C-alpha cells in the first residue's frame, strides 16, 4: 500500500470521527473521540468526493443579537484563528 493511500485513509477516518462527534453533539475536545469502524461506516461521503474550495462563508450572531457573516478567502488570507479547547 502506498504512503498516499495510508495518509488518505487516516484523513478519512479522522474526518469521520470529527463528523460523528458533531452529529452526536459531543463537546469539541480536539477530536480525541475515537469511534468504532462500524460507527465510521455509518458516515458516507457521496461518491467518495471531497471538494476543495477557495472561500468559505461563516454565519454568526453578533454581540447585539444580529445575524451576520464573514467570508474567508484562502488565497488572500490563508490563515485564520479559531478558539481551541480549554486544555
Protein backbone atom coordinates (compact mmCIF):
# COMPACT_ATOMS: atom_id res chain seq x y z
CA UNK A 1 0.00 0.00 0.00
CA UNK A 2 1.42 3.38 -0.91
CA UNK A 3 2.09 6.15 1.57
CA UNK A 4 -0.54 8.37 -0.10
CA UNK A 5 -3.27 5.76 0.46
CA UNK A 6 -2.27 5.33 4.12
CA UNK A 7 -2.37 9.11 4.69
CA UNK A 8 -5.70 9.36 2.85
CA UNK A 9 -7.25 6.54 4.91
CA UNK A 10 -6.01 8.19 8.12
CA UNK A 11 -7.51 11.51 6.98
CA UNK A 12 -10.85 9.89 6.13
CA UNK A 13 -11.09 8.10 9.49
CA UNK A 14 -10.21 11.33 11.37
CA UNK A 15 -12.75 13.27 9.29
CA UNK A 16 -15.46 10.72 10.06
CA UNK A 17 -14.54 10.82 13.79
CA UNK A 18 -14.86 14.61 13.70
CA UNK A 19 -18.21 14.47 11.89
CA UNK A 20 -19.56 11.80 14.26
CA UNK A 21 -18.60 13.96 17.24
CA UNK A 22 -20.56 16.87 15.78
CA UNK A 23 -23.53 14.64 14.85
CA UNK A 24 -23.70 13.20 18.39
CA UNK A 25 -23.40 16.67 19.94
CA UNK A 26 -20.18 15.91 21.81
CA UNK A 27 -18.18 18.86 23.08
CA UNK A 28 -15.18 19.60 20.88
CA UNK A 29 -12.09 18.34 22.66
CA UNK A 30 -9.51 18.47 19.90
CA UNK A 31 -11.06 15.42 18.26
CA UNK A 32 -9.77 12.91 20.78
CA UNK A 33 -13.01 10.94 20.42
CA UNK A 34 -12.35 7.59 18.77
CA UNK A 35 -15.26 5.80 17.15
CA UNK A 36 -15.50 2.18 16.02
CA UNK A 37 -15.26 1.16 12.37
CA UNK A 38 -18.99 0.33 12.49
CA UNK A 39 -19.72 3.92 13.55
CA UNK A 40 -17.39 5.33 10.88
CA UNK A 41 -19.07 3.18 8.23
CA UNK A 42 -22.38 4.85 9.11
CA UNK A 43 -20.98 8.11 7.68
CA UNK A 44 -21.00 8.06 3.91
CA UNK A 45 -19.15 10.51 1.69
CA UNK A 46 -21.18 10.66 -1.50
CA UNK A 47 -19.22 9.30 -4.47
CA UNK A 48 -16.08 9.45 -2.26
CA UNK A 49 -15.60 13.07 -3.36
CA UNK A 50 -14.39 15.94 -1.17
CA UNK A 51 -14.20 19.38 -2.75
CA UNK A 52 -11.52 21.95 -2.10
CA UNK A 53 -12.88 25.49 -2.16
CA UNK A 54 -11.14 28.86 -2.13
CA UNK A 55 -13.72 30.67 0.02
CA UNK A 56 -15.90 29.81 2.98
CA UNK A 57 -18.78 31.80 4.42
CA UNK A 58 -19.15 31.76 8.21
CA UNK A 59 -22.56 32.77 9.61
CA UNK A 60 -22.72 34.01 13.19
CA UNK A 61 -24.71 36.11 15.65
CA UNK A 62 -23.17 39.46 16.60
CA UNK A 63 -22.89 40.81 20.15
CA UNK A 64 -26.12 42.81 19.63
CA UNK A 65 -28.01 39.66 18.51
CA UNK A 66 -27.97 40.43 14.79
CA UNK A 67 -27.15 37.83 12.16
CA UNK A 68 -24.02 38.47 10.13
CA UNK A 69 -21.42 36.59 8.11
CA UNK A 70 -17.78 36.76 7.15
CA UNK A 71 -16.19 35.36 4.04
CA UNK A 72 -12.73 33.85 4.31
CA UNK A 73 -10.70 33.62 1.12
CA UNK A 74 -7.80 31.17 1.37
CA UNK A 75 -5.99 32.89 -1.49
CA UNK A 76 -5.83 36.33 0.11
CA UNK A 77 -5.93 35.31 3.81
CA UNK A 78 -4.66 31.73 4.10
CA UNK A 79 -4.53 31.70 7.92
CA UNK A 80 -7.41 32.19 10.34
CA UNK A 81 -7.57 31.90 14.12
CA UNK A 82 -10.28 29.97 15.97
CA UNK A 83 -10.87 29.02 19.59
CA UNK A 84 -9.25 25.85 20.85
CA UNK A 85 -10.38 23.51 23.63
CA UNK A 86 -9.65 24.67 27.19
CA UNK A 87 -6.95 22.07 27.78
